[in-house]
PDB file of N, CA and C in Angstrom:
ATOM      1  N   MET A   1    -100.441 -44.202 -52.123  1.00  0.00           N
ATOM      2  CA  MET A   1     -99.584 -44.461 -50.998  1.00  0.00           C
ATOM      3  C   MET A   1    -100.368 -45.103 -49.854  1.00  0.00           C
ATOM      4  N   VAL A   2    -101.563 -44.580 -49.603  1.00  0.00           N
ATOM      5  CA  VAL A   2    -102.380 -45.145 -48.520  1.00  0.00           C
ATOM      6  C   VAL A   2    -102.766 -46.587 -48.834  1.00  0.00           C
ATOM      7  N   ALA A   3    -103.055 -46.869 -50.123  1.00  0.00           N
ATOM      8  CA  ALA A   3    -103.391 -48.241 -50.505  1.00  0.00           C
ATOM      9  C   ALA A   3    -102.234 -49.184 -50.202  1.00  0.00           C
ATOM     10  N   LEU A   4    -101.010 -48.755 -50.466  1.00  0.00           N
ATOM     11  CA  LEU A   4     -99.840 -49.595 -50.177  1.00  0.00           C
ATOM     12  C   LEU A   4     -99.638 -49.769 -48.676  1.00  0.00           C
ATOM     13  N   GLU A   5     -99.835 -48.693 -47.930  1.00  0.00           N
ATOM     14  CA  GLU A   5     -99.644 -48.775 -46.480  1.00  0.00           C
ATOM     15  C   GLU A   5    -100.661 -49.672 -45.802  1.00  0.00           C
ATOM     16  N   LEU A   6    -101.900 -49.669 -46.296  1.00  0.00           N
ATOM     17  CA  LEU A   6    -102.960 -50.436 -45.645  1.00  0.00           C
ATOM     18  C   LEU A   6    -103.162 -51.835 -46.222  1.00  0.00           C
ATOM     19  N   ALA A   7    -102.547 -52.141 -47.339  1.00  0.00           N
ATOM     20  CA  ALA A   7    -102.690 -53.463 -47.963  1.00  0.00           C
ATOM     21  C   ALA A   7    -102.356 -54.618 -47.015  1.00  0.00           C
ATOM     22  N   PRO A   8    -101.285 -54.529 -46.206  1.00  0.00           N
ATOM     23  CA  PRO A   8    -100.995 -55.642 -45.283  1.00  0.00           C
ATOM     24  C   PRO A   8    -102.117 -55.893 -44.272  1.00  0.00           C
ATOM     25  N   HIS A   9    -102.973 -54.894 -44.075  1.00  0.00           N
ATOM     26  CA  HIS A   9    -104.093 -55.039 -43.139  1.00  0.00           C
ATOM     27  C   HIS A   9    -105.396 -55.390 -43.863  1.00  0.00           C
ATOM     28  N   LYS A  10    -105.271 -55.735 -45.160  1.00  0.00           N
ATOM     29  CA  LYS A  10    -106.430 -56.117 -45.993  1.00  0.00           C
ATOM     30  C   LYS A  10    -107.432 -54.985 -46.163  1.00  0.00           C
ATOM     31  N   VAL A  11    -106.942 -53.739 -46.170  1.00  0.00           N
ATOM     32  CA  VAL A  11    -107.801 -52.569 -46.389  1.00  0.00           C
ATOM     33  C   VAL A  11    -107.529 -52.056 -47.794  1.00  0.00           C
ATOM     34  N   ARG A  12    -108.604 -51.968 -48.580  1.00  0.00           N
ATOM     35  CA  ARG A  12    -108.486 -51.437 -49.937  1.00  0.00           C
ATOM     36  C   ARG A  12    -108.799 -49.939 -49.919  1.00  0.00           C
ATOM     37  N   VAL A  13    -108.105 -49.171 -50.762  1.00  0.00           N
ATOM     38  CA  VAL A  13    -108.303 -47.729 -50.824  1.00  0.00           C
ATOM     39  C   VAL A  13    -108.472 -47.325 -52.288  1.00  0.00           C
ATOM     40  N   ASN A  14    -109.602 -46.724 -52.594  1.00  0.00           N
ATOM     41  CA  ASN A  14    -109.885 -46.243 -53.936  1.00  0.00           C
ATOM     42  C   ASN A  14    -110.529 -44.868 -53.814  1.00  0.00           C
ATOM     43  N   VAL A  15    -110.563 -44.142 -54.907  1.00  0.00           N
ATOM     44  CA  VAL A  15    -111.213 -42.834 -54.921  1.00  0.00           C
ATOM     45  C   VAL A  15    -112.138 -42.784 -56.125  1.00  0.00           C
ATOM     46  N   ILE A  16    -113.283 -42.129 -55.941  1.00  0.00           N
ATOM     47  CA  ILE A  16    -114.251 -41.982 -57.017  1.00  0.00           C
ATOM     48  C   ILE A  16    -114.189 -40.545 -57.505  1.00  0.00           C
ATOM     49  N   CYS A  17    -113.982 -40.379 -58.802  1.00  0.00           N
ATOM     50  CA  CYS A  17    -113.895 -39.063 -59.455  1.00  0.00           C
ATOM     51  C   CYS A  17    -115.045 -38.954 -60.439  1.00  0.00           C
ATOM     52  N   PRO A  18    -116.235 -38.545 -59.999  1.00  0.00           N
ATOM     53  CA  PRO A  18    -117.399 -38.644 -60.853  1.00  0.00           C
ATOM     54  C   PRO A  18    -117.494 -37.657 -62.004  1.00  0.00           C
ATOM     55  N   GLY A  19    -116.782 -36.557 -61.979  1.00  0.00           N
ATOM     56  CA  GLY A  19    -116.921 -35.592 -63.068  1.00  0.00           C
ATOM     57  C   GLY A  19    -118.272 -34.917 -63.038  1.00  0.00           C
ATOM     58  N   ALA A  20    -118.800 -34.586 -64.210  1.00  0.00           N
ATOM     59  CA  ALA A  20    -120.086 -33.885 -64.300  1.00  0.00           C
ATOM     60  C   ALA A  20    -121.238 -34.825 -63.958  1.00  0.00           C
ATOM     61  N   ILE A  21    -122.018 -34.448 -62.940  1.00  0.00           N
ATOM     62  CA  ILE A  21    -123.158 -35.249 -62.503  1.00  0.00           C
ATOM     63  C   ILE A  21    -124.396 -34.377 -62.539  1.00  0.00           C
ATOM     64  N   GLU A  22    -125.452 -34.910 -63.130  1.00  0.00           N
ATOM     65  CA  GLU A  22    -126.718 -34.185 -63.206  1.00  0.00           C
ATOM     66  C   GLU A  22    -127.391 -34.203 -61.843  1.00  0.00           C
ATOM     67  N   THR A  23    -127.617 -33.015 -61.287  1.00  0.00           N
ATOM     68  CA  THR A  23    -128.296 -32.873 -60.004  1.00  0.00           C
ATOM     69  C   THR A  23    -129.260 -31.692 -60.072  1.00  0.00           C
ATOM     70  N   ASN A  24    -130.004 -31.480 -59.008  1.00  0.00           N
ATOM     71  CA  ASN A  24    -130.882 -30.313 -58.919  1.00  0.00           C
ATOM     72  C   ASN A  24    -130.317 -29.282 -57.945  1.00  0.00           C
ATOM     73  N   ILE A  25    -129.006 -29.260 -57.775  1.00  0.00           N
ATOM     74  CA  ILE A  25    -128.392 -28.358 -56.806  1.00  0.00           C
ATOM     75  C   ILE A  25    -128.674 -26.895 -57.117  1.00  0.00           C
ATOM     76  N   ASN A  26    -128.781 -26.539 -58.390  1.00  0.00           N
ATOM     77  CA  ASN A  26    -129.061 -25.142 -58.737  1.00  0.00           C
ATOM     78  C   ASN A  26    -130.421 -24.694 -58.230  1.00  0.00           C
ATOM     79  N   GLU A  27    -131.408 -25.599 -58.221  1.00  0.00           N
ATOM     80  CA  GLU A  27    -132.735 -25.231 -57.756  1.00  0.00           C
ATOM     81  C   GLU A  27    -132.787 -25.078 -56.245  1.00  0.00           C
ATOM     82  N   SER A  28    -131.885 -25.707 -55.512  1.00  0.00           N
ATOM     83  CA  SER A  28    -131.957 -25.669 -54.053  1.00  0.00           C
ATOM     84  C   SER A  28    -130.838 -24.855 -53.422  1.00  0.00           C
ATOM     85  N   THR A  29    -130.112 -24.081 -54.233  1.00  0.00           N
ATOM     86  CA  THR A  29    -129.005 -23.287 -53.715  1.00  0.00           C
ATOM     87  C   THR A  29    -129.274 -21.810 -53.957  1.00  0.00           C
ATOM     88  N   GLU A  30    -129.176 -21.029 -52.891  1.00  0.00           N
ATOM     89  CA  GLU A  30    -129.341 -19.581 -53.032  1.00  0.00           C
ATOM     90  C   GLU A  30    -127.985 -18.983 -53.427  1.00  0.00           C
ATOM     91  N   LYS A  31    -128.001 -18.175 -54.468  1.00  0.00           N
ATOM     92  CA  LYS A  31    -126.770 -17.572 -54.969  1.00  0.00           C
ATOM     93  C   LYS A  31    -126.756 -16.095 -54.622  1.00  0.00           C
ATOM     94  N   LYS A  32    -125.662 -15.636 -53.984  1.00  0.00           N
ATOM     95  CA  LYS A  32    -125.529 -14.214 -53.708  1.00  0.00           C
ATOM     96  C   LYS A  32    -124.054 -13.851 -53.654  1.00  0.00           C
ATOM     97  N   ASP A  33    -123.743 -12.687 -54.121  1.00  0.00           N
ATOM     98  CA  ASP A  33    -122.363 -12.155 -54.128  1.00  0.00           C
ATOM     99  C   ASP A  33    -121.376 -13.107 -54.785  1.00  0.00           C
ATOM    100  N   LEU A  34    -121.758 -13.690 -55.900  1.00  0.00           N
ATOM    101  CA  LEU A  34    -120.885 -14.662 -56.581  1.00  0.00           C
ATOM    102  C   LEU A  34    -119.647 -14.004 -57.182  1.00  0.00           C
ATOM    103  N   GLU A  35    -119.716 -12.707 -57.488  1.00  0.00           N
ATOM    104  CA  GLU A  35    -118.567 -12.035 -58.085  1.00  0.00           C
ATOM    105  C   GLU A  35    -117.344 -12.099 -57.164  1.00  0.00           C
ATOM    106  N   LYS A  36    -117.566 -12.126 -55.872  1.00  0.00           N
ATOM    107  CA  LYS A  36    -116.472 -12.127 -54.892  1.00  0.00           C
ATOM    108  C   LYS A  36    -115.754 -13.472 -54.794  1.00  0.00           C
ATOM    109  N   VAL A  37    -116.405 -14.538 -55.190  1.00  0.00           N
ATOM    110  CA  VAL A  37    -115.824 -15.867 -54.989  1.00  0.00           C
ATOM    111  C   VAL A  37    -115.497 -16.582 -56.291  1.00  0.00           C
ATOM    112  N   GLN A  38    -115.629 -15.916 -57.411  1.00  0.00           N
ATOM    113  CA  GLN A  38    -115.363 -16.576 -58.691  1.00  0.00           C
ATOM    114  C   GLN A  38    -113.892 -16.942 -58.821  1.00  0.00           C
ATOM    115  N   VAL A  39    -113.673 -18.166 -59.268  1.00  0.00           N
ATOM    116  CA  VAL A  39    -112.339 -18.678 -59.526  1.00  0.00           C
ATOM    117  C   VAL A  39    -112.242 -18.930 -61.027  1.00  0.00           C
ATOM    118  N   PRO A  40    -111.192 -18.426 -61.673  1.00  0.00           N
ATOM    119  CA  PRO A  40    -111.097 -18.684 -63.114  1.00  0.00           C
ATOM    120  C   PRO A  40    -110.942 -20.182 -63.385  1.00  0.00           C
ATOM    121  N   VAL A  41    -111.744 -20.670 -64.316  1.00  0.00           N
ATOM    122  CA  VAL A  41    -111.730 -22.089 -64.650  1.00  0.00           C
ATOM    123  C   VAL A  41    -111.525 -22.231 -66.145  1.00  0.00           C
ATOM    124  N   GLU A  42    -110.663 -23.169 -66.523  1.00  0.00           N
ATOM    125  CA  GLU A  42    -110.471 -23.485 -67.938  1.00  0.00           C
ATOM    126  C   GLU A  42    -110.990 -24.886 -68.186  1.00  0.00           C
ATOM    127  N   PHE A  43    -111.929 -25.005 -69.105  1.00  0.00           N
ATOM    128  CA  PHE A  43    -112.477 -26.299 -69.465  1.00  0.00           C
ATOM    129  C   PHE A  43    -111.849 -26.769 -70.766  1.00  0.00           C
ATOM    130  N   PRO A  44    -111.577 -28.063 -70.893  1.00  0.00           N
ATOM    131  CA  PRO A  44    -111.036 -28.560 -72.161  1.00  0.00           C
ATOM    132  C   PRO A  44    -112.054 -28.408 -73.277  1.00  0.00           C
ATOM    133  N   GLN A  45    -111.559 -28.293 -74.478  1.00  0.00           N
ATOM    134  CA  GLN A  45    -112.438 -28.152 -75.637  1.00  0.00           C
ATOM    135  C   GLN A  45    -113.107 -29.474 -75.952  1.00  0.00           C
ATOM    136  N   GLY A  46    -114.326 -29.398 -76.491  1.00  0.00           N
ATOM    137  CA  GLY A  46    -115.022 -30.601 -76.925  1.00  0.00           C
ATOM    138  C   GLY A  46    -115.905 -31.201 -75.836  1.00  0.00           C
ATOM    139  N   ALA A  47    -116.637 -32.219 -76.221  1.00  0.00           N
ATOM    140  CA  ALA A  47    -117.543 -32.893 -75.299  1.00  0.00           C
ATOM    141  C   ALA A  47    -116.811 -34.009 -74.555  1.00  0.00           C
ATOM    142  N   MET A  48    -117.443 -34.490 -73.496  1.00  0.00           N
ATOM    143  CA  MET A  48    -116.904 -35.636 -72.771  1.00  0.00           C
ATOM    144  C   MET A  48    -116.914 -36.834 -73.713  1.00  0.00           C
ATOM    145  N   PRO A  49    -115.771 -37.446 -73.976  1.00  0.00           N
ATOM    146  CA  PRO A  49    -115.711 -38.487 -75.009  1.00  0.00           C
ATOM    147  C   PRO A  49    -116.557 -39.720 -74.741  1.00  0.00           C
ATOM    148  N   LEU A  50    -116.695 -40.146 -73.502  1.00  0.00           N
ATOM    149  CA  LEU A  50    -117.452 -41.372 -73.225  1.00  0.00           C
ATOM    150  C   LEU A  50    -118.953 -41.182 -73.379  1.00  0.00           C
ATOM    151  N   THR A  51    -119.437 -39.977 -73.107  1.00  0.00           N
ATOM    152  CA  THR A  51    -120.882 -39.772 -73.058  1.00  0.00           C
ATOM    153  C   THR A  51    -121.369 -38.717 -74.046  1.00  0.00           C
ATOM    154  N   ASP A  52    -120.512 -38.252 -74.911  1.00  0.00           N
ATOM    155  CA  ASP A  52    -120.871 -37.199 -75.878  1.00  0.00           C
ATOM    156  C   ASP A  52    -121.450 -35.966 -75.189  1.00  0.00           C
ATOM    157  N   GLY A  53    -120.910 -35.619 -74.024  1.00  0.00           N
ATOM    158  CA  GLY A  53    -121.316 -34.412 -73.321  1.00  0.00           C
ATOM    159  C   GLY A  53    -122.450 -34.589 -72.333  1.00  0.00           C
ATOM    160  N   LYS A  54    -123.028 -35.762 -72.258  1.00  0.00           N
ATOM    161  CA  LYS A  54    -124.127 -36.002 -71.326  1.00  0.00           C
ATOM    162  C   LYS A  54    -123.559 -36.240 -69.924  1.00  0.00           C
ATOM    163  N   PRO A  55    -124.058 -35.523 -68.905  1.00  0.00           N
ATOM    164  CA  PRO A  55    -123.553 -35.739 -67.546  1.00  0.00           C
ATOM    165  C   PRO A  55    -124.011 -37.073 -66.990  1.00  0.00           C
ATOM    166  N   GLY A  56    -123.282 -37.564 -66.001  1.00  0.00           N
ATOM    167  CA  GLY A  56    -123.658 -38.793 -65.330  1.00  0.00           C
ATOM    168  C   GLY A  56    -124.798 -38.549 -64.358  1.00  0.00           C
ATOM    169  N   THR A  57    -125.238 -39.612 -63.711  1.00  0.00           N
ATOM    170  CA  THR A  57    -126.320 -39.502 -62.738  1.00  0.00           C
ATOM    171  C   THR A  57    -125.831 -39.940 -61.358  1.00  0.00           C
ATOM    172  N   ALA A  58    -126.552 -39.497 -60.345  1.00  0.00           N
ATOM    173  CA  ALA A  58    -126.221 -39.904 -58.981  1.00  0.00           C
ATOM    174  C   ALA A  58    -126.344 -41.427 -58.848  1.00  0.00           C
ATOM    175  N   GLU A  59    -127.287 -42.023 -59.567  1.00  0.00           N
ATOM    176  CA  GLU A  59    -127.465 -43.479 -59.514  1.00  0.00           C
ATOM    177  C   GLU A  59    -126.230 -44.203 -60.051  1.00  0.00           C
ATOM    178  N   GLU A  60    -125.610 -43.666 -61.103  1.00  0.00           N
ATOM    179  CA  GLU A  60    -124.394 -44.284 -61.650  1.00  0.00           C
ATOM    180  C   GLU A  60    -123.253 -44.226 -60.642  1.00  0.00           C
ATOM    181  N   VAL A  61    -123.135 -43.118 -59.936  1.00  0.00           N
ATOM    182  CA  VAL A  61    -122.095 -42.999 -58.906  1.00  0.00           C
ATOM    183  C   VAL A  61    -122.397 -43.982 -57.777  1.00  0.00           C
ATOM    184  N   ALA A  62    -123.667 -44.088 -57.382  1.00  0.00           N
ATOM    185  CA  ALA A  62    -124.051 -45.021 -56.316  1.00  0.00           C
ATOM    186  C   ALA A  62    -123.721 -46.460 -56.698  1.00  0.00           C
ATOM    187  N   LYS A  63    -123.929 -46.814 -57.962  1.00  0.00           N
ATOM    188  CA  LYS A  63    -123.602 -48.173 -58.417  1.00  0.00           C
ATOM    189  C   LYS A  63    -122.100 -48.429 -58.324  1.00  0.00           C
ATOM    190  N   LEU A  64    -121.292 -47.414 -58.611  1.00  0.00           N
ATOM    191  CA  LEU A  64    -119.841 -47.560 -58.488  1.00  0.00           C
ATOM    192  C   LEU A  64    -119.449 -47.732 -57.025  1.00  0.00           C
ATOM    193  N   VAL A  65    -120.060 -46.956 -56.141  1.00  0.00           N
ATOM    194  CA  VAL A  65    -119.792 -47.101 -54.698  1.00  0.00           C
ATOM    195  C   VAL A  65    -120.158 -48.503 -54.225  1.00  0.00           C
ATOM    196  N   LEU A  66    -121.328 -48.991 -54.651  1.00  0.00           N
ATOM    197  CA  LEU A  66    -121.766 -50.333 -54.266  1.00  0.00           C
ATOM    198  C   LEU A  66    -120.789 -51.388 -54.770  1.00  0.00           C
ATOM    199  N   PHE A  67    -120.342 -51.246 -56.012  1.00  0.00           N
ATOM    200  CA  PHE A  67    -119.366 -52.182 -56.579  1.00  0.00           C
ATOM    201  C   PHE A  67    -118.074 -52.168 -55.770  1.00  0.00           C
ATOM    202  N   LEU A  68    -117.551 -50.990 -55.466  1.00  0.00           N
ATOM    203  CA  LEU A  68    -116.285 -50.905 -54.725  1.00  0.00           C
ATOM    204  C   LEU A  68    -116.419 -51.450 -53.309  1.00  0.00           C
ATOM    205  N   ALA A  69    -117.605 -51.358 -52.737  1.00  0.00           N
ATOM    206  CA  ALA A  69    -117.826 -51.860 -51.384  1.00  0.00           C
ATOM    207  C   ALA A  69    -118.096 -53.371 -51.367  1.00  0.00           C
ATOM    208  N   SER A  70    -118.310 -53.949 -52.531  1.00  0.00           N
ATOM    209  CA  SER A  70    -118.659 -55.373 -52.607  1.00  0.00           C
ATOM    210  C   SER A  70    -117.407 -56.239 -52.791  1.00  0.00           C
ATOM    211  N   ASP A  71    -117.603 -57.547 -52.649  1.00  0.00           N
ATOM    212  CA  ASP A  71    -116.529 -58.501 -52.876  1.00  0.00           C
ATOM    213  C   ASP A  71    -116.146 -58.595 -54.357  1.00  0.00           C
ATOM    214  N   LEU A  72    -117.013 -58.092 -55.250  1.00  0.00           N
ATOM    215  CA  LEU A  72    -116.701 -58.118 -56.680  1.00  0.00           C
ATOM    216  C   LEU A  72    -115.459 -57.285 -57.015  1.00  0.00           C
ATOM    217  N   SER A  73    -115.154 -56.320 -56.158  1.00  0.00           N
ATOM    218  CA  SER A  73    -113.988 -55.457 -56.413  1.00  0.00           C
ATOM    219  C   SER A  73    -112.817 -55.807 -55.491  1.00  0.00           C
ATOM    220  N   SER A  74    -112.780 -57.016 -55.002  1.00  0.00           N
ATOM    221  CA  SER A  74    -111.774 -57.405 -53.998  1.00  0.00           C
ATOM    222  C   SER A  74    -110.340 -57.307 -54.513  1.00  0.00           C
ATOM    223  N   HIS A  75    -110.154 -57.218 -55.821  1.00  0.00           N
ATOM    224  CA  HIS A  75    -108.802 -57.154 -56.384  1.00  0.00           C
ATOM    225  C   HIS A  75    -108.479 -55.737 -56.905  1.00  0.00           C
ATOM    226  N   ILE A  76    -109.294 -54.745 -56.499  1.00  0.00           N
ATOM    227  CA  ILE A  76    -109.074 -53.363 -56.944  1.00  0.00           C
ATOM    228  C   ILE A  76    -108.684 -52.525 -55.739  1.00  0.00           C
ATOM    229  N   THR A  77    -107.520 -51.895 -55.820  1.00  0.00           N
ATOM    230  CA  THR A  77    -107.097 -50.983 -54.765  1.00  0.00           C
ATOM    231  C   THR A  77    -106.070 -50.018 -55.340  1.00  0.00           C
ATOM    232  N   GLY A  78    -106.015 -48.823 -54.749  1.00  0.00           N
ATOM    233  CA  GLY A  78    -105.033 -47.831 -55.168  1.00  0.00           C
ATOM    234  C   GLY A  78    -105.295 -47.246 -56.528  1.00  0.00           C
ATOM    235  N   THR A  79    -106.559 -47.089 -56.895  1.00  0.00           N
ATOM    236  CA  THR A  79    -106.866 -46.589 -58.221  1.00  0.00           C
ATOM    237  C   THR A  79    -107.904 -45.472 -58.165  1.00  0.00           C
ATOM    238  N   GLU A  80    -107.914 -44.648 -59.185  1.00  0.00           N
ATOM    239  CA  GLU A  80    -108.963 -43.655 -59.371  1.00  0.00           C
ATOM    240  C   GLU A  80    -110.055 -44.305 -60.206  1.00  0.00           C
ATOM    241  N   ASN A  81    -111.277 -44.223 -59.768  1.00  0.00           N
ATOM    242  CA  ASN A  81    -112.396 -44.787 -60.502  1.00  0.00           C
ATOM    243  C   ASN A  81    -113.208 -43.627 -61.051  1.00  0.00           C
ATOM    244  N   VAL A  82    -113.184 -43.473 -62.359  1.00  0.00           N
ATOM    245  CA  VAL A  82    -113.853 -42.359 -63.000  1.00  0.00           C
ATOM    246  C   VAL A  82    -115.206 -42.802 -63.497  1.00  0.00           C
ATOM    247  N   ASP A  83    -116.220 -42.006 -63.161  1.00  0.00           N
ATOM    248  CA  ASP A  83    -117.583 -42.314 -63.601  1.00  0.00           C
ATOM    249  C   ASP A  83    -118.070 -41.191 -64.484  1.00  0.00           C
TER     250      ASP A  83
END
């Protein structure tokens, strides 16, 4: 909806949905009292089909951001970009 509203002003709107990304957040995050904040999560069966279960990297997400910010993506708006 925002993409349609802003199109007359030449503003493109996209969203990046990176999924599983390999980071070192576990090494730099202190965990305490996790039992109080647990949310039940259901994961689909099987591995990620595009990568056979391998997570993406921060560099891959950065490349997508760079692409969307460049003139190469001038005809892309109102879409989810999955990495």
